[in-house]
């Protein structure tokens, strides 16, 4: 059996910002369209809802900056997640993984790593390039089959 070389996948803030800005603009457009019907939303409600959307998406970026996954390394026996500004490593061995699931919902792909009944780690593609996340999924699928 050939040993797998260490693979590394890097996240970047620009991908997360592009996703969040696009989602914010889409949601704001829906709110503005709904405001055309005065019975649904008043002008004040439109301002409040759009401000709340801006705060929510800003919090999403802030949370990613503080503890989001910045990099993933995958080798024969471990998945290492580097989180937050300090790039604090979280090492997950094959023995710790109770289940691994790859899902695609709408335009979002997610990997769910189940460590126990109550401890789940979700890795989403928002902060990764499409190419890098696709390579990660391909390598991870082969990695999981060797289990």
N, C-alpha and C. Protein backbone atom coordinates (compact mmCIF):
# COMPACT_ATOMS: atom_id res chain seq x y z
N UNK A 1 0.85 -1.19 0.00
CA UNK A 1 0.00 0.00 0.00
C UNK A 1 0.89 1.25 0.00
N UNK A 2 0.71 2.11 -0.96
CA UNK A 2 1.50 3.33 -1.09
C UNK A 2 1.03 4.36 -0.06
N UNK A 3 1.97 4.95 0.64
CA UNK A 3 1.62 5.98 1.62
C UNK A 3 1.18 7.24 0.90
N UNK A 4 0.18 7.86 1.45
CA UNK A 4 -0.36 9.10 0.88
C UNK A 4 0.51 10.27 1.32
N UNK A 5 0.87 11.13 0.36
CA UNK A 5 1.64 12.31 0.73
C UNK A 5 0.71 13.32 1.40
N UNK A 6 1.28 14.20 2.19
CA UNK A 6 0.50 15.21 2.89
C UNK A 6 -0.06 16.21 1.89
N UNK A 7 -1.37 16.41 1.91
CA UNK A 7 -2.05 17.35 1.03
C UNK A 7 -2.48 18.55 1.86
N UNK A 8 -2.35 19.75 1.31
CA UNK A 8 -2.72 20.96 2.02
C UNK A 8 -3.70 21.77 1.18
N UNK A 9 -4.73 22.32 1.83
CA UNK A 9 -5.76 23.11 1.16
C UNK A 9 -5.94 24.41 1.94
N UNK A 10 -5.77 25.53 1.25
CA UNK A 10 -5.79 26.84 1.90
C UNK A 10 -7.11 27.58 1.67
N UNK A 11 -7.63 28.16 2.73
CA UNK A 11 -8.81 29.03 2.64
C UNK A 11 -8.31 30.47 2.49
N UNK A 12 -9.19 31.35 2.04
CA UNK A 12 -8.80 32.76 1.94
C UNK A 12 -10.02 33.63 2.20
N UNK A 13 -9.79 34.76 2.84
CA UNK A 13 -10.86 35.68 3.19
C UNK A 13 -11.63 36.17 1.97
N UNK A 14 -10.96 36.35 0.84
CA UNK A 14 -11.64 36.89 -0.35
C UNK A 14 -12.79 35.99 -0.82
N UNK A 15 -12.64 34.67 -0.67
CA UNK A 15 -13.72 33.77 -1.08
C UNK A 15 -14.92 33.90 -0.15
N UNK A 16 -14.66 34.01 1.14
CA UNK A 16 -15.74 34.20 2.11
C UNK A 16 -16.43 35.54 1.87
N UNK A 17 -15.65 36.59 1.64
CA UNK A 17 -16.24 37.92 1.39
C UNK A 17 -17.09 37.91 0.13
N UNK A 18 -16.61 37.27 -0.93
CA UNK A 18 -17.39 37.22 -2.17
C UNK A 18 -18.72 36.51 -1.95
N UNK A 19 -18.70 35.41 -1.21
CA UNK A 19 -19.92 34.67 -0.91
C UNK A 19 -20.87 35.51 -0.06
N UNK A 20 -20.35 36.12 0.99
CA UNK A 20 -21.20 36.91 1.89
C UNK A 20 -21.76 38.16 1.21
N UNK A 21 -20.96 38.83 0.41
CA UNK A 21 -21.45 40.03 -0.28
C UNK A 21 -22.54 39.65 -1.28
N UNK A 22 -22.34 38.57 -2.02
CA UNK A 22 -23.36 38.13 -2.98
C UNK A 22 -24.66 37.76 -2.25
N UNK A 23 -24.55 37.05 -1.15
CA UNK A 23 -25.75 36.66 -0.38
C UNK A 23 -26.43 37.89 0.21
N UNK A 24 -25.64 38.85 0.71
CA UNK A 24 -26.21 40.08 1.26
C UNK A 24 -26.95 40.86 0.18
N UNK A 25 -26.35 41.02 -0.98
CA UNK A 25 -27.00 41.76 -2.07
C UNK A 25 -28.29 41.08 -2.52
N UNK A 26 -28.26 39.76 -2.60
CA UNK A 26 -29.46 39.02 -2.98
C UNK A 26 -30.57 39.21 -1.94
N UNK A 27 -30.23 39.08 -0.66
CA UNK A 27 -31.22 39.24 0.40
C UNK A 27 -31.74 40.68 0.45
N UNK A 28 -30.85 41.66 0.29
CA UNK A 28 -31.28 43.06 0.29
C UNK A 28 -32.20 43.35 -0.88
N UNK A 29 -31.90 42.76 -2.04
CA UNK A 29 -32.77 42.93 -3.21
C UNK A 29 -34.16 42.35 -2.95
N UNK A 30 -34.21 41.18 -2.31
CA UNK A 30 -35.51 40.59 -1.97
C UNK A 30 -36.29 41.49 -1.01
N UNK A 31 -35.60 42.06 -0.04
CA UNK A 31 -36.25 42.97 0.92
C UNK A 31 -36.78 44.21 0.19
N UNK A 32 -35.97 44.75 -0.71
CA UNK A 32 -36.41 45.93 -1.47
C UNK A 32 -37.60 45.61 -2.37
N UNK A 33 -37.59 44.45 -2.98
CA UNK A 33 -38.73 44.04 -3.80
C UNK A 33 -39.99 43.86 -2.95
N UNK A 34 -39.82 43.28 -1.76
CA UNK A 34 -40.95 43.11 -0.86
C UNK A 34 -41.47 44.46 -0.36
N UNK A 35 -40.59 45.44 -0.29
CA UNK A 35 -41.01 46.76 0.20
C UNK A 35 -41.90 47.49 -0.81
N UNK A 36 -41.89 47.03 -2.03
CA UNK A 36 -42.76 47.64 -3.05
C UNK A 36 -44.23 47.44 -2.69
N UNK A 37 -44.50 46.42 -1.92
CA UNK A 37 -45.85 46.19 -1.42
C UNK A 37 -45.88 46.79 -0.02
N UNK A 38 -46.48 47.95 0.11
CA UNK A 38 -46.45 48.71 1.38
C UNK A 38 -47.01 47.91 2.55
N UNK A 39 -47.94 47.01 2.29
CA UNK A 39 -48.54 46.24 3.39
C UNK A 39 -47.55 45.25 4.00
N UNK A 40 -46.52 44.86 3.25
CA UNK A 40 -45.54 43.89 3.76
C UNK A 40 -44.47 44.55 4.63
N UNK A 41 -43.87 45.62 4.12
CA UNK A 41 -42.77 46.27 4.85
C UNK A 41 -42.87 47.78 4.73
N UNK A 42 -42.73 48.43 5.85
CA UNK A 42 -42.68 49.90 5.84
C UNK A 42 -41.25 50.33 5.49
N UNK A 43 -41.04 51.58 5.11
CA UNK A 43 -39.68 52.05 4.82
C UNK A 43 -38.73 51.88 6.01
N UNK A 44 -39.21 52.11 7.22
CA UNK A 44 -38.37 51.92 8.41
C UNK A 44 -37.99 50.44 8.57
N UNK A 45 -38.94 49.55 8.34
CA UNK A 45 -38.67 48.11 8.44
C UNK A 45 -37.62 47.69 7.42
N UNK A 46 -37.67 48.27 6.23
CA UNK A 46 -36.69 47.94 5.19
C UNK A 46 -35.29 48.33 5.68
N UNK A 47 -35.16 49.52 6.23
CA UNK A 47 -33.86 49.98 6.73
C UNK A 47 -33.37 49.07 7.86
N UNK A 48 -34.27 48.72 8.77
CA UNK A 48 -33.90 47.88 9.91
C UNK A 48 -33.49 46.48 9.44
N UNK A 49 -34.24 45.90 8.52
CA UNK A 49 -33.93 44.55 8.04
C UNK A 49 -32.60 44.54 7.28
N UNK A 50 -32.37 45.53 6.42
CA UNK A 50 -31.11 45.58 5.68
C UNK A 50 -29.93 45.81 6.62
N UNK A 51 -30.11 46.64 7.64
CA UNK A 51 -29.05 46.84 8.64
C UNK A 51 -28.78 45.55 9.40
N UNK A 52 -29.84 44.82 9.75
CA UNK A 52 -29.67 43.55 10.45
C UNK A 52 -28.94 42.54 9.56
N UNK A 53 -29.24 42.53 8.27
CA UNK A 53 -28.53 41.64 7.35
C UNK A 53 -27.04 41.99 7.29
N UNK A 54 -26.74 43.29 7.23
CA UNK A 54 -25.34 43.73 7.19
C UNK A 54 -24.60 43.30 8.46
N UNK A 55 -25.25 43.44 9.60
CA UNK A 55 -24.63 43.03 10.87
C UNK A 55 -24.42 41.51 10.89
N UNK A 56 -25.42 40.76 10.43
CA UNK A 56 -25.30 39.29 10.43
C UNK A 56 -24.16 38.82 9.54
N UNK A 57 -24.05 39.38 8.34
CA UNK A 57 -22.97 38.97 7.46
C UNK A 57 -21.62 39.46 7.98
N UNK A 58 -21.59 40.61 8.62
CA UNK A 58 -20.36 41.09 9.25
C UNK A 58 -19.92 40.17 10.38
N UNK A 59 -20.89 39.69 11.16
CA UNK A 59 -20.58 38.73 12.24
C UNK A 59 -20.04 37.42 11.67
N UNK A 60 -20.58 36.99 10.54
CA UNK A 60 -20.11 35.77 9.89
C UNK A 60 -18.62 35.89 9.56
N UNK A 61 -18.23 37.02 9.00
CA UNK A 61 -16.83 37.25 8.65
C UNK A 61 -15.98 37.33 9.92
N UNK A 62 -16.46 38.02 10.95
CA UNK A 62 -15.71 38.15 12.20
C UNK A 62 -15.51 36.80 12.87
N UNK A 63 -16.53 35.97 12.87
CA UNK A 63 -16.40 34.64 13.47
C UNK A 63 -15.39 33.80 12.71
N UNK A 64 -15.42 33.89 11.37
CA UNK A 64 -14.44 33.15 10.58
C UNK A 64 -13.03 33.64 10.89
N UNK A 65 -12.86 34.95 11.02
CA UNK A 65 -11.53 35.48 11.34
C UNK A 65 -11.03 34.98 12.69
N UNK A 66 -11.95 34.85 13.66
CA UNK A 66 -11.55 34.44 15.00
C UNK A 66 -11.33 32.94 15.14
N UNK A 67 -12.22 32.12 14.55
CA UNK A 67 -12.08 30.68 14.77
C UNK A 67 -12.42 29.81 13.56
N UNK A 68 -12.49 30.41 12.40
CA UNK A 68 -12.79 29.65 11.19
C UNK A 68 -11.61 28.82 10.71
N UNK A 69 -11.89 27.86 9.84
CA UNK A 69 -10.86 26.98 9.30
C UNK A 69 -10.11 27.72 8.20
N UNK A 70 -8.82 27.91 8.40
CA UNK A 70 -7.98 28.65 7.45
C UNK A 70 -7.22 27.72 6.51
N UNK A 71 -6.94 26.52 7.00
CA UNK A 71 -6.15 25.58 6.21
C UNK A 71 -6.48 24.16 6.67
N UNK A 72 -6.37 23.23 5.73
CA UNK A 72 -6.61 21.82 6.03
C UNK A 72 -5.43 21.02 5.50
N UNK A 73 -4.90 20.14 6.33
CA UNK A 73 -3.87 19.20 5.88
C UNK A 73 -4.40 17.80 6.08
N UNK A 74 -4.18 16.98 5.08
CA UNK A 74 -4.68 15.62 5.09
C UNK A 74 -3.53 14.69 4.75
N UNK A 75 -3.26 13.71 5.62
CA UNK A 75 -2.25 12.70 5.29
C UNK A 75 -2.86 11.32 5.53
N UNK A 76 -2.04 10.32 5.57
CA UNK A 76 -2.52 8.94 5.64
C UNK A 76 -3.39 8.66 6.87
N UNK A 77 -3.07 9.27 8.00
CA UNK A 77 -3.78 8.94 9.24
C UNK A 77 -4.51 10.10 9.91
N UNK A 78 -4.27 11.34 9.47
CA UNK A 78 -4.86 12.48 10.18
C UNK A 78 -5.41 13.54 9.24
N UNK A 79 -6.39 14.27 9.77
CA UNK A 79 -6.85 15.51 9.17
C UNK A 79 -6.46 16.59 10.19
N UNK A 80 -5.75 17.60 9.73
CA UNK A 80 -5.36 18.70 10.62
C UNK A 80 -6.04 19.97 10.13
N UNK A 81 -6.83 20.58 11.00
CA UNK A 81 -7.51 21.84 10.70
C UNK A 81 -6.77 22.95 11.41
N UNK A 82 -6.44 24.01 10.69
CA UNK A 82 -5.80 25.17 11.30
C UNK A 82 -6.85 26.27 11.40
N UNK A 83 -7.11 26.71 12.63
CA UNK A 83 -8.22 27.63 12.89
C UNK A 83 -7.75 28.99 13.39
N UNK A 84 -8.54 30.01 13.03
CA UNK A 84 -8.37 31.34 13.58
C UNK A 84 -7.10 32.04 13.15
N UNK A 85 -6.94 33.23 13.69
CA UNK A 85 -5.80 34.07 13.35
C UNK A 85 -4.48 33.44 13.75
N UNK A 86 -4.49 32.70 14.85
CA UNK A 86 -3.26 32.06 15.35
C UNK A 86 -2.95 30.76 14.63
N UNK A 87 -3.84 30.30 13.77
CA UNK A 87 -3.70 29.03 13.07
C UNK A 87 -3.50 27.86 14.03
N UNK A 88 -4.32 27.86 15.07
CA UNK A 88 -4.26 26.81 16.09
C UNK A 88 -4.66 25.47 15.45
N UNK A 89 -3.77 24.46 15.52
CA UNK A 89 -4.09 23.18 14.88
C UNK A 89 -5.05 22.33 15.69
N UNK A 90 -5.96 21.68 14.97
CA UNK A 90 -6.85 20.69 15.57
C UNK A 90 -6.60 19.40 14.79
N UNK A 91 -5.99 18.44 15.44
CA UNK A 91 -5.61 17.20 14.78
C UNK A 91 -6.68 16.14 15.04
N UNK A 92 -7.16 15.54 13.95
CA UNK A 92 -8.18 14.50 14.03
C UNK A 92 -7.59 13.24 13.41
N UNK A 93 -7.50 12.17 14.18
CA UNK A 93 -6.98 10.91 13.66
C UNK A 93 -8.13 10.06 13.12
N UNK A 94 -7.79 9.09 12.30
CA UNK A 94 -8.80 8.18 11.76
C UNK A 94 -9.61 7.50 12.87
N UNK A 95 -8.92 7.15 13.95
CA UNK A 95 -9.59 6.44 15.05
C UNK A 95 -10.66 7.29 15.72
N UNK A 96 -10.51 8.61 15.69
CA UNK A 96 -11.47 9.51 16.34
C UNK A 96 -12.74 9.69 15.51
N UNK A 97 -12.67 9.41 14.23
CA UNK A 97 -13.80 9.70 13.33
C UNK A 97 -14.83 8.58 13.39
N UNK A 98 -16.04 8.95 13.80
CA UNK A 98 -17.14 8.00 13.86
C UNK A 98 -17.91 7.97 12.55
N UNK A 99 -17.87 9.06 11.80
CA UNK A 99 -18.57 9.12 10.51
C UNK A 99 -18.10 10.31 9.70
N UNK A 100 -18.22 10.18 8.40
CA UNK A 100 -17.79 11.22 7.48
C UNK A 100 -18.85 11.32 6.39
N UNK A 101 -19.36 12.52 6.18
CA UNK A 101 -20.43 12.71 5.20
C UNK A 101 -20.13 13.93 4.34
N UNK A 102 -20.28 13.76 3.03
CA UNK A 102 -20.10 14.86 2.08
C UNK A 102 -21.47 15.17 1.49
N UNK A 103 -21.90 16.43 1.63
CA UNK A 103 -23.23 16.84 1.15
C UNK A 103 -23.12 18.02 0.21
N UNK A 104 -24.08 18.08 -0.68
CA UNK A 104 -24.22 19.24 -1.57
C UNK A 104 -25.66 19.72 -1.47
N UNK A 105 -25.81 20.96 -1.04
CA UNK A 105 -27.13 21.59 -0.94
C UNK A 105 -27.09 22.90 -1.69
N UNK A 106 -27.96 23.03 -2.65
CA UNK A 106 -27.99 24.20 -3.51
C UNK A 106 -26.59 24.46 -4.07
N UNK A 107 -25.99 25.58 -3.72
CA UNK A 107 -24.66 25.91 -4.24
C UNK A 107 -23.57 25.69 -3.19
N UNK A 108 -23.87 24.96 -2.13
CA UNK A 108 -22.95 24.82 -1.01
C UNK A 108 -22.59 23.36 -0.77
N UNK A 109 -21.29 23.08 -0.70
CA UNK A 109 -20.83 21.73 -0.37
C UNK A 109 -20.28 21.75 1.05
N UNK A 110 -20.62 20.70 1.79
CA UNK A 110 -20.23 20.62 3.20
C UNK A 110 -19.72 19.23 3.52
N UNK A 111 -18.65 19.18 4.29
CA UNK A 111 -18.15 17.92 4.83
C UNK A 111 -18.47 17.92 6.31
N UNK A 112 -19.14 16.88 6.77
CA UNK A 112 -19.44 16.73 8.18
C UNK A 112 -18.59 15.59 8.73
N UNK A 113 -17.75 15.92 9.70
CA UNK A 113 -16.90 14.94 10.36
C UNK A 113 -17.50 14.71 11.75
N UNK A 114 -18.02 13.51 11.96
CA UNK A 114 -18.64 13.18 13.25
C UNK A 114 -17.59 12.47 14.11
N UNK A 115 -17.25 13.12 15.24
CA UNK A 115 -16.27 12.54 16.15
C UNK A 115 -16.93 11.72 17.24
N UNK A 116 -18.11 12.14 17.64
CA UNK A 116 -18.91 11.40 18.61
C UNK A 116 -20.36 11.79 18.37
N UNK A 117 -21.21 11.31 19.20
CA UNK A 117 -22.63 11.61 19.03
C UNK A 117 -22.91 13.11 19.12
N UNK A 118 -22.16 13.80 19.96
CA UNK A 118 -22.42 15.22 20.20
C UNK A 118 -21.34 16.16 19.66
N UNK A 119 -20.28 15.62 19.10
CA UNK A 119 -19.19 16.47 18.60
C UNK A 119 -19.06 16.30 17.08
N UNK A 120 -19.44 17.36 16.38
CA UNK A 120 -19.44 17.36 14.92
C UNK A 120 -18.64 18.56 14.43
N UNK A 121 -17.84 18.35 13.40
CA UNK A 121 -17.11 19.44 12.76
C UNK A 121 -17.63 19.55 11.32
N UNK A 122 -18.02 20.77 10.94
CA UNK A 122 -18.48 21.01 9.58
C UNK A 122 -17.45 21.85 8.84
N UNK A 123 -17.09 21.40 7.66
CA UNK A 123 -16.16 22.13 6.81
C UNK A 123 -16.94 22.52 5.55
N UNK A 124 -17.12 23.82 5.34
CA UNK A 124 -17.86 24.29 4.17
C UNK A 124 -16.91 24.96 3.20
N UNK A 125 -17.36 25.10 1.97
CA UNK A 125 -16.47 25.60 0.93
C UNK A 125 -16.43 27.11 0.79
N UNK A 126 -17.17 27.86 1.59
CA UNK A 126 -17.25 29.31 1.41
C UNK A 126 -15.90 30.02 1.36
N UNK A 127 -14.96 29.61 2.19
CA UNK A 127 -13.67 30.32 2.27
C UNK A 127 -12.58 29.67 1.40
N UNK A 128 -12.94 28.62 0.66
CA UNK A 128 -11.99 27.94 -0.21
C UNK A 128 -12.35 28.20 -1.67
N UNK A 129 -11.35 28.15 -2.53
CA UNK A 129 -11.65 28.24 -3.95
C UNK A 129 -12.39 26.96 -4.36
N UNK A 130 -13.16 27.05 -5.41
CA UNK A 130 -13.92 25.89 -5.87
C UNK A 130 -12.98 24.74 -6.24
N UNK A 131 -11.88 25.09 -6.90
CA UNK A 131 -10.90 24.08 -7.32
C UNK A 131 -10.27 23.38 -6.11
N UNK A 132 -9.84 24.17 -5.12
CA UNK A 132 -9.20 23.59 -3.94
C UNK A 132 -10.17 22.71 -3.16
N UNK A 133 -11.42 23.16 -3.01
CA UNK A 133 -12.39 22.36 -2.25
C UNK A 133 -12.76 21.09 -3.01
N UNK A 134 -12.83 21.17 -4.33
CA UNK A 134 -13.10 19.97 -5.13
C UNK A 134 -11.97 18.96 -4.98
N UNK A 135 -10.72 19.43 -5.00
CA UNK A 135 -9.58 18.52 -4.78
C UNK A 135 -9.64 17.92 -3.38
N UNK A 136 -9.97 18.74 -2.38
CA UNK A 136 -10.10 18.25 -1.01
C UNK A 136 -11.16 17.15 -0.92
N UNK A 137 -12.31 17.37 -1.56
CA UNK A 137 -13.37 16.36 -1.53
C UNK A 137 -12.93 15.06 -2.21
N UNK A 138 -12.22 15.18 -3.33
CA UNK A 138 -11.75 13.99 -4.04
C UNK A 138 -10.76 13.20 -3.19
N UNK A 139 -9.80 13.90 -2.58
CA UNK A 139 -8.82 13.25 -1.73
C UNK A 139 -9.49 12.66 -0.50
N UNK A 140 -10.42 13.39 0.08
CA UNK A 140 -11.11 12.92 1.28
C UNK A 140 -11.96 11.68 0.99
N UNK A 141 -12.61 11.63 -0.16
CA UNK A 141 -13.40 10.45 -0.54
C UNK A 141 -12.51 9.22 -0.63
N UNK A 142 -11.33 9.37 -1.24
CA UNK A 142 -10.39 8.25 -1.31
C UNK A 142 -9.83 7.90 0.04
N UNK A 143 -9.60 8.91 0.87
CA UNK A 143 -9.09 8.71 2.23
C UNK A 143 -10.09 7.93 3.07
N UNK A 144 -11.36 8.26 2.95
CA UNK A 144 -12.41 7.62 3.73
C UNK A 144 -12.57 6.16 3.32
N UNK A 145 -12.38 5.84 2.03
CA UNK A 145 -12.54 4.47 1.57
C UNK A 145 -11.43 3.55 2.06
N UNK A 146 -10.29 4.11 2.42
CA UNK A 146 -9.18 3.31 2.94
C UNK A 146 -9.39 2.90 4.38
N UNK A 147 -10.39 3.50 5.01
CA UNK A 147 -10.65 3.28 6.43
C UNK A 147 -11.02 1.86 6.72
